Amino acid sequence: MKYGDKLIYIEGIITEVHDGAVAIDLKGRLGSMRVPLRMLISDYPLQVGQTVGFHMSFLEQLGPEPDPKYRKPDTPV
């Protein structure tokens, strides 16, 4: 990675709880995400409306070439 980590603290609200995943709306109009239950640390039963927080860094593109395994054959480079 070319850039050092800058960890950003982000909060969100649980909007859905399923058997294997939790949906979270991120505060600050950052969108939403779904995470597997195994990635969530909690001392309480999960419920819709609870607040969660986590640290995240920026995403960085690691190279200009796409991985051929994920490209469709008719997609131009």
PDB file of N, CA and C in Angstrom:
ATOM      1  N   MET A   1       0.843  -1.184   0.000  1.00  0.00           N
ATOM      2  CA  MET A   1       0.000   0.000   0.000  1.00  0.00           C
ATOM      3  C   MET A   1       0.883   1.240   0.000  1.00  0.00           C
ATOM      4  N   LYS A   2       0.502   2.207  -0.782  1.00  0.00           N
ATOM      5  CA  LYS A   2       1.271   3.431  -0.893  1.00  0.00           C
ATOM      6  C   LYS A   2       0.998   4.404   0.246  1.00  0.00           C
ATOM      7  N   TYR A   3      -0.180   4.325   0.815  1.00  0.00           N
ATOM      8  CA  TYR A   3      -0.591   5.296   1.818  1.00  0.00           C
ATOM      9  C   TYR A   3      -0.722   4.635   3.179  1.00  0.00           C
ATOM     10  N   GLY A   4      -0.361   5.343   4.222  1.00  0.00           N
ATOM     11  CA  GLY A   4      -0.499   4.807   5.569  1.00  0.00           C
ATOM     12  C   GLY A   4      -1.951   4.748   5.992  1.00  0.00           C
ATOM     13  N   ASP A   5      -2.234   3.912   6.960  1.00  0.00           N
ATOM     14  CA  ASP A   5      -3.609   3.789   7.443  1.00  0.00           C
ATOM     15  C   ASP A   5      -4.057   5.038   8.168  1.00  0.00           C
ATOM     16  N   LYS A   6      -5.283   5.417   7.912  1.00  0.00           N
ATOM     17  CA  LYS A   6      -5.944   6.457   8.684  1.00  0.00           C
ATOM     18  C   LYS A   6      -7.284   5.846   9.086  1.00  0.00           C
ATOM     19  N   LEU A   7      -7.346   5.339  10.301  1.00  0.00           N
ATOM     20  CA  LEU A   7      -8.557   4.667  10.752  1.00  0.00           C
ATOM     21  C   LEU A   7      -9.627   5.701  11.090  1.00  0.00           C
ATOM     22  N   ILE A   8     -10.801   5.489  10.548  1.00  0.00           N
ATOM     23  CA  ILE A   8     -11.925   6.395  10.760  1.00  0.00           C
ATOM     24  C   ILE A   8     -12.990   5.648  11.544  1.00  0.00           C
ATOM     25  N   TYR A   9     -13.516   6.284  12.586  1.00  0.00           N
ATOM     26  CA  TYR A   9     -14.568   5.662  13.389  1.00  0.00           C
ATOM     27  C   TYR A   9     -15.912   5.980  12.744  1.00  0.00           C
ATOM     28  N   ILE A  10     -16.708   4.938  12.481  1.00  0.00           N
ATOM     29  CA  ILE A  10     -18.005   5.078  11.826  1.00  0.00           C
ATOM     30  C   ILE A  10     -19.056   4.408  12.702  1.00  0.00           C
ATOM     31  N   GLU A  11     -20.232   5.025  12.787  1.00  0.00           N
ATOM     32  CA  GLU A  11     -21.352   4.440  13.528  1.00  0.00           C
ATOM     33  C   GLU A  11     -22.516   4.179  12.582  1.00  0.00           C
ATOM     34  N   GLY A  12     -23.378   3.275  13.006  1.00  0.00           N
ATOM     35  CA  GLY A  12     -24.567   2.955  12.233  1.00  0.00           C
ATOM     36  C   GLY A  12     -25.641   2.383  13.128  1.00  0.00           C
ATOM     37  N   ILE A  13     -26.813   2.183  12.540  1.00  0.00           N
ATOM     38  CA  ILE A  13     -27.978   1.645  13.240  1.00  0.00           C
ATOM     39  C   ILE A  13     -28.356   0.316  12.594  1.00  0.00           C
ATOM     40  N   ILE A  14     -28.581  -0.696  13.421  1.00  0.00           N
ATOM     41  CA  ILE A  14     -29.024  -1.999  12.907  1.00  0.00           C
ATOM     42  C   ILE A  14     -30.452  -1.858  12.376  1.00  0.00           C
ATOM     43  N   THR A  15     -30.653  -2.258  11.111  1.00  0.00           N
ATOM     44  CA  THR A  15     -31.983  -2.164  10.493  1.00  0.00           C
ATOM     45  C   THR A  15     -32.622  -3.526  10.245  1.00  0.00           C
ATOM     46  N   GLU A  16     -31.811  -4.577  10.166  1.00  0.00           N
ATOM     47  CA  GLU A  16     -32.331  -5.929   9.966  1.00  0.00           C
ATOM     48  C   GLU A  16     -31.433  -6.917  10.706  1.00  0.00           C
ATOM     49  N   VAL A  17     -32.047  -7.925  11.301  1.00  0.00           N
ATOM     50  CA  VAL A  17     -31.295  -9.009  11.932  1.00  0.00           C
ATOM     51  C   VAL A  17     -31.828 -10.313  11.351  1.00  0.00           C
ATOM     52  N   HIS A  18     -30.939 -11.090  10.736  1.00  0.00           N
ATOM     53  CA  HIS A  18     -31.301 -12.378  10.148  1.00  0.00           C
ATOM     54  C   HIS A  18     -30.460 -13.466  10.806  1.00  0.00           C
ATOM     55  N   ASP A  19     -30.702 -14.713  10.411  1.00  0.00           N
ATOM     56  CA  ASP A  19     -29.971 -15.839  11.001  1.00  0.00           C
ATOM     57  C   ASP A  19     -28.466 -15.731  10.794  1.00  0.00           C
ATOM     58  N   GLY A  20     -28.032 -15.238   9.645  1.00  0.00           N
ATOM     59  CA  GLY A  20     -26.606 -15.224   9.359  1.00  0.00           C
ATOM     60  C   GLY A  20     -25.995 -13.863   9.140  1.00  0.00           C
ATOM     61  N   ALA A  21     -26.822 -12.794   9.112  1.00  0.00           N
ATOM     62  CA  ALA A  21     -26.280 -11.474   8.797  1.00  0.00           C
ATOM     63  C   ALA A  21     -27.083 -10.371   9.470  1.00  0.00           C
ATOM     64  N   VAL A  22     -26.463  -9.196   9.518  1.00  0.00           N
ATOM     65  CA  VAL A  22     -27.088  -8.008  10.084  1.00  0.00           C
ATOM     66  C   VAL A  22     -26.963  -6.890   9.054  1.00  0.00           C
ATOM     67  N   ALA A  23     -28.033  -6.135   8.819  1.00  0.00           N
ATOM     68  CA  ALA A  23     -27.993  -4.971   7.940  1.00  0.00           C
ATOM     69  C   ALA A  23     -27.844  -3.724   8.798  1.00  0.00           C
ATOM     70  N   ILE A  24     -26.984  -2.811   8.346  1.00  0.00           N
ATOM     71  CA  ILE A  24     -26.675  -1.606   9.109  1.00  0.00           C
ATOM     72  C   ILE A  24     -26.775  -0.396   8.189  1.00  0.00           C
ATOM     73  N   ASP A  25     -27.510   0.645   8.614  1.00  0.00           N
ATOM     74  CA  ASP A  25     -27.508   1.941   7.932  1.00  0.00           C
ATOM     75  C   ASP A  25     -26.449   2.801   8.589  1.00  0.00           C
ATOM     76  N   LEU A  26     -25.506   3.275   7.794  1.00  0.00           N
ATOM     77  CA  LEU A  26     -24.410   4.059   8.330  1.00  0.00           C
ATOM     78  C   LEU A  26     -24.832   5.513   8.518  1.00  0.00           C
ATOM     79  N   LYS A  27     -24.396   6.103   9.612  1.00  0.00           N
ATOM     80  CA  LYS A  27     -24.719   7.502   9.886  1.00  0.00           C
ATOM     81  C   LYS A  27     -23.908   8.405   8.960  1.00  0.00           C
ATOM     82  N   GLY A  28     -24.383   9.614   8.747  1.00  0.00           N
ATOM     83  CA  GLY A  28     -23.669  10.563   7.903  1.00  0.00           C
ATOM     84  C   GLY A  28     -23.884  10.331   6.424  1.00  0.00           C
ATOM     85  N   ARG A  29     -24.998   9.711   6.050  1.00  0.00           N
ATOM     86  CA  ARG A  29     -25.337   9.457   4.649  1.00  0.00           C
ATOM     87  C   ARG A  29     -24.255   8.665   3.922  1.00  0.00           C
ATOM     88  N   LEU A  30     -23.643   7.712   4.620  1.00  0.00           N
ATOM     89  CA  LEU A  30     -22.588   6.896   4.024  1.00  0.00           C
ATOM     90  C   LEU A  30     -23.116   5.618   3.388  1.00  0.00           C
ATOM     91  N   GLY A  31     -24.419   5.384   3.466  1.00  0.00           N
ATOM     92  CA  GLY A  31     -24.985   4.204   2.833  1.00  0.00           C
ATOM     93  C   GLY A  31     -25.328   3.130   3.839  1.00  0.00           C
ATOM     94  N   SER A  32     -25.332   1.898   3.367  1.00  0.00           N
ATOM     95  CA  SER A  32     -25.672   0.769   4.225  1.00  0.00           C
ATOM     96  C   SER A  32     -24.771  -0.401   3.875  1.00  0.00           C
ATOM     97  N   MET A  33     -24.760  -1.400   4.766  1.00  0.00           N
ATOM     98  CA  MET A  33     -23.964  -2.591   4.511  1.00  0.00           C
ATOM     99  C   MET A  33     -24.557  -3.763   5.265  1.00  0.00           C
ATOM    100  N   ARG A  34     -24.212  -4.939   4.825  1.00  0.00           N
ATOM    101  CA  ARG A  34     -24.597  -6.176   5.502  1.00  0.00           C
ATOM    102  C   ARG A  34     -23.318  -6.889   5.913  1.00  0.00           C
ATOM    103  N   VAL A  35     -23.301  -7.385   7.140  1.00  0.00           N
ATOM    104  CA  VAL A  35     -22.134  -8.120   7.625  1.00  0.00           C
ATOM    105  C   VAL A  35     -22.591  -9.438   8.229  1.00  0.00           C
ATOM    106  N   PRO A  36     -21.756 -10.472   8.126  1.00  0.00           N
ATOM    107  CA  PRO A  36     -22.088 -11.742   8.766  1.00  0.00           C
ATOM    108  C   PRO A  36     -22.102 -11.575  10.284  1.00  0.00           C
ATOM    109  N   LEU A  37     -22.948 -12.338  10.947  1.00  0.00           N
ATOM    110  CA  LEU A  37     -23.039 -12.269  12.406  1.00  0.00           C
ATOM    111  C   LEU A  37     -21.700 -12.555  13.071  1.00  0.00           C
ATOM    112  N   ARG A  38     -20.876 -13.400  12.465  1.00  0.00           N
ATOM    113  CA  ARG A  38     -19.590 -13.750  13.078  1.00  0.00           C
ATOM    114  C   ARG A  38     -18.631 -12.564  13.135  1.00  0.00           C
ATOM    115  N   MET A  39     -18.920 -11.490  12.393  1.00  0.00           N
ATOM    116  CA  MET A  39     -18.062 -10.309  12.415  1.00  0.00           C
ATOM    117  C   MET A  39     -18.501  -9.280  13.453  1.00  0.00           C
ATOM    118  N   LEU A  40     -19.579  -9.543  14.154  1.00  0.00           N
ATOM    119  CA  LEU A  40     -20.122  -8.595  15.117  1.00  0.00           C
ATOM    120  C   LEU A  40     -19.834  -9.071  16.534  1.00  0.00           C
ATOM    121  N   ILE A  41     -19.250  -8.207  17.345  1.00  0.00           N
ATOM    122  CA  ILE A  41     -18.962  -8.524  18.742  1.00  0.00           C
ATOM    123  C   ILE A  41     -20.046  -7.861  19.582  1.00  0.00           C
ATOM    124  N   SER A  42     -20.732  -8.648  20.411  1.00  0.00           N
ATOM    125  CA  SER A  42     -21.821  -8.086  21.204  1.00  0.00           C
ATOM    126  C   SER A  42     -22.001  -8.878  22.493  1.00  0.00           C
ATOM    127  N   ASP A  43     -22.275  -8.151  23.576  1.00  0.00           N
ATOM    128  CA  ASP A  43     -22.614  -8.784  24.849  1.00  0.00           C
ATOM    129  C   ASP A  43     -24.125  -8.919  25.019  1.00  0.00           C
ATOM    130  N   TYR A  44     -24.888  -8.388  24.066  1.00  0.00           N
ATOM    131  CA  TYR A  44     -26.350  -8.354  24.163  1.00  0.00           C
ATOM    132  C   TYR A  44     -26.964  -9.009  22.932  1.00  0.00           C
ATOM    133  N   PRO A  45     -28.210  -9.464  23.048  1.00  0.00           N
ATOM    134  CA  PRO A  45     -28.911  -9.948  21.852  1.00  0.00           C
ATOM    135  C   PRO A  45     -29.098  -8.793  20.861  1.00  0.00           C
ATOM    136  N   LEU A  46     -28.879  -9.060  19.578  1.00  0.00           N
ATOM    137  CA  LEU A  46     -28.992  -8.008  18.567  1.00  0.00           C
ATOM    138  C   LEU A  46     -30.452  -7.695  18.286  1.00  0.00           C
ATOM    139  N   GLN A  47     -30.750  -6.386  18.174  1.00  0.00           N
ATOM    140  CA  GLN A  47     -32.106  -5.932  17.898  1.00  0.00           C
ATOM    141  C   GLN A  47     -32.057  -4.762  16.924  1.00  0.00           C
ATOM    142  N   VAL A  48     -33.109  -4.631  16.134  1.00  0.00           N
ATOM    143  CA  VAL A  48     -33.240  -3.490  15.232  1.00  0.00           C
ATOM    144  C   VAL A  48     -33.273  -2.215  16.067  1.00  0.00           C
ATOM    145  N   GLY A  49     -32.511  -1.209  15.634  1.00  0.00           N
ATOM    146  CA  GLY A  49     -32.467   0.065  16.325  1.00  0.00           C
ATOM    147  C   GLY A  49     -31.233   0.263  17.192  1.00  0.00           C
ATOM    148  N   GLN A  50     -30.474  -0.790  17.450  1.00  0.00           N
ATOM    149  CA  GLN A  50     -29.264  -0.652  18.259  1.00  0.00           C
ATOM    150  C   GLN A  50     -28.168   0.032  17.436  1.00  0.00           C
ATOM    151  N   THR A  51     -27.300   0.751  18.123  1.00  0.00           N
ATOM    152  CA  THR A  51     -26.184   1.446  17.487  1.00  0.00           C
ATOM    153  C   THR A  51     -24.946   0.557  17.499  1.00  0.00           C
ATOM    154  N   VAL A  52     -24.218   0.567  16.384  1.00  0.00           N
ATOM    155  CA  VAL A  52     -22.952  -0.158  16.290  1.00  0.00           C
ATOM    156  C   VAL A  52     -21.871   0.820  15.839  1.00  0.00           C
ATOM    157  N   GLY A  53     -20.627   0.517  16.135  1.00  0.00           N
ATOM    158  CA  GLY A  53     -19.519   1.352  15.711  1.00  0.00           C
ATOM    159  C   GLY A  53     -18.348   0.486  15.278  1.00  0.00           C
ATOM    160  N   PHE A  54     -17.534   1.004  14.361  1.00  0.00           N
ATOM    161  CA  PHE A  54     -16.369   0.265  13.900  1.00  0.00           C
ATOM    162  C   PHE A  54     -15.353   1.231  13.308  1.00  0.00           C
ATOM    163  N   HIS A  55     -14.129   0.760  13.171  1.00  0.00           N
ATOM    164  CA  HIS A  55     -13.072   1.535  12.528  1.00  0.00           C
ATOM    165  C   HIS A  55     -12.884   1.022  11.103  1.00  0.00           C
ATOM    166  N   MET A  56     -12.677   1.961  10.193  1.00  0.00           N
ATOM    167  CA  MET A  56     -12.472   1.588   8.801  1.00  0.00           C
ATOM    168  C   MET A  56     -11.438   2.524   8.194  1.00  0.00           C
ATOM    169  N   SER A  57     -10.685   2.017   7.268  1.00  0.00           N
ATOM    170  CA  SER A  57      -9.719   2.826   6.553  1.00  0.00           C
ATOM    171  C   SER A  57     -10.219   3.034   5.127  1.00  0.00           C
ATOM    172  N   PHE A  58      -9.472   3.745   4.335  1.00  0.00           N
ATOM    173  CA  PHE A  58      -9.840   3.966   2.944  1.00  0.00           C
ATOM    174  C   PHE A  58      -9.529   2.733   2.122  1.00  0.00           C
ATOM    175  N   LEU A  59     -10.300   2.508   1.059  1.00  0.00           N
ATOM    176  CA  LEU A  59     -10.005   1.436   0.119  1.00  0.00           C
ATOM    177  C   LEU A  59      -8.962   1.945  -0.864  1.00  0.00           C
ATOM    178  N   GLU A  60      -8.047   1.079  -1.263  1.00  0.00           N
ATOM    179  CA  GLU A  60      -7.022   1.466  -2.217  1.00  0.00           C
ATOM    180  C   GLU A  60      -6.967   0.447  -3.340  1.00  0.00           C
ATOM    181  N   GLN A  61      -7.038   0.928  -4.577  1.00  0.00           N
ATOM    182  CA  GLN A  61      -6.904   0.046  -5.731  1.00  0.00           C
ATOM    183  C   GLN A  61      -5.443  -0.383  -5.815  1.00  0.00           C
ATOM    184  N   LEU A  62      -5.205  -1.673  -5.937  1.00  0.00           N
ATOM    185  CA  LEU A  62      -3.843  -2.191  -5.848  1.00  0.00           C
ATOM    186  C   LEU A  62      -3.133  -2.328  -7.186  1.00  0.00           C
ATOM    187  N   GLY A  63      -3.842  -2.219  -8.287  1.00  0.00           N
ATOM    188  CA  GLY A  63      -3.184  -2.323  -9.581  1.00  0.00           C
ATOM    189  C   GLY A  63      -4.136  -1.987 -10.710  1.00  0.00           C
ATOM    190  N   PRO A  64      -3.591  -1.687 -11.898  1.00  0.00           N
ATOM    191  CA  PRO A  64      -4.439  -1.276 -13.011  1.00  0.00           C
ATOM    192  C   PRO A  64      -5.122  -2.430 -13.739  1.00  0.00           C
ATOM    193  N   GLU A  65      -4.583  -3.632 -13.620  1.00  0.00           N
ATOM    194  CA  GLU A  65      -5.117  -4.766 -14.377  1.00  0.00           C
ATOM    195  C   GLU A  65      -6.212  -5.492 -13.607  1.00  0.00           C
ATOM    196  N   PRO A  66      -7.366  -5.736 -14.255  1.00  0.00           N
ATOM    197  CA  PRO A  66      -8.409  -6.530 -13.604  1.00  0.00           C
ATOM    198  C   PRO A  66      -8.019  -8.003 -13.548  1.00  0.00           C
ATOM    199  N   ASP A  67      -8.489  -8.690 -12.551  1.00  0.00           N
ATOM    200  CA  ASP A  67      -8.259 -10.127 -12.425  1.00  0.00           C
ATOM    201  C   ASP A  67      -9.127 -10.829 -13.465  1.00  0.00           C
ATOM    202  N   PRO A  68      -8.539 -11.588 -14.388  1.00  0.00           N
ATOM    203  CA  PRO A  68      -9.322 -12.228 -15.452  1.00  0.00           C
ATOM    204  C   PRO A  68     -10.406 -13.164 -14.923  1.00  0.00           C
ATOM    205  N   LYS A  69     -10.228 -13.686 -13.732  1.00  0.00           N
ATOM    206  CA  LYS A  69     -11.214 -14.599 -13.166  1.00  0.00           C
ATOM    207  C   LYS A  69     -12.554 -13.890 -12.937  1.00  0.00           C
ATOM    208  N   TYR A  70     -12.548 -12.564 -12.748  1.00  0.00           N
ATOM    209  CA  TYR A  70     -13.773 -11.826 -12.440  1.00  0.00           C
ATOM    210  C   TYR A  70     -14.324 -11.044 -13.622  1.00  0.00           C
ATOM    211  N   ARG A  71     -13.632 -11.005 -14.736  1.00  0.00           N
ATOM    212  CA  ARG A  71     -14.092 -10.282 -15.908  1.00  0.00           C
ATOM    213  C   ARG A  71     -14.941 -11.178 -16.790  1.00  0.00           C
ATOM    214  N   LYS A  72     -15.946 -10.583 -17.402  1.00  0.00           N
ATOM    215  CA  LYS A  72     -16.723 -11.300 -18.409  1.00  0.00           C
ATOM    216  C   LYS A  72     -15.925 -11.322 -19.709  1.00  0.00           C
ATOM    217  N   PRO A  73     -16.027 -12.381 -20.489  1.00  0.00           N
ATOM    218  CA  PRO A  73     -15.207 -12.479 -21.709  1.00  0.00           C
ATOM    219  C   PRO A  73     -15.436 -11.338 -22.696  1.00  0.00           C
ATOM    220  N   ASP A  74     -16.635 -10.776 -22.772  1.00  0.00           N
ATOM    221  CA  ASP A  74     -16.910  -9.732 -23.773  1.00  0.00           C
ATOM    222  C   ASP A  74     -16.702  -8.312 -23.232  1.00  0.00           C
ATOM    223  N   THR A  75     -16.138  -8.169 -22.024  1.00  0.00           N
ATOM    224  CA  THR A  75     -15.906  -6.862 -21.432  1.00  0.00           C
ATOM    225  C   THR A  75     -14.597  -6.284 -21.946  1.00  0.00           C
ATOM    226  N   PRO A  76     -14.626  -5.052 -22.512  1.00  0.00           N
ATOM    227  CA  PRO A  76     -13.366  -4.452 -22.972  1.00  0.00           C
ATOM    228  C   PRO A  76     -12.479  -4.062 -21.794  1.00  0.00           C
ATOM    229  N   VAL A  77     -11.170  -4.032 -22.041  1.00  0.00           N
ATOM    230  CA  VAL A  77     -10.207  -3.684 -20.988  1.00  0.00           C
ATOM    231  C   VAL A  77     -10.157  -2.204 -20.768  1.00  0.00           C
TER     232      VAL A  77
END
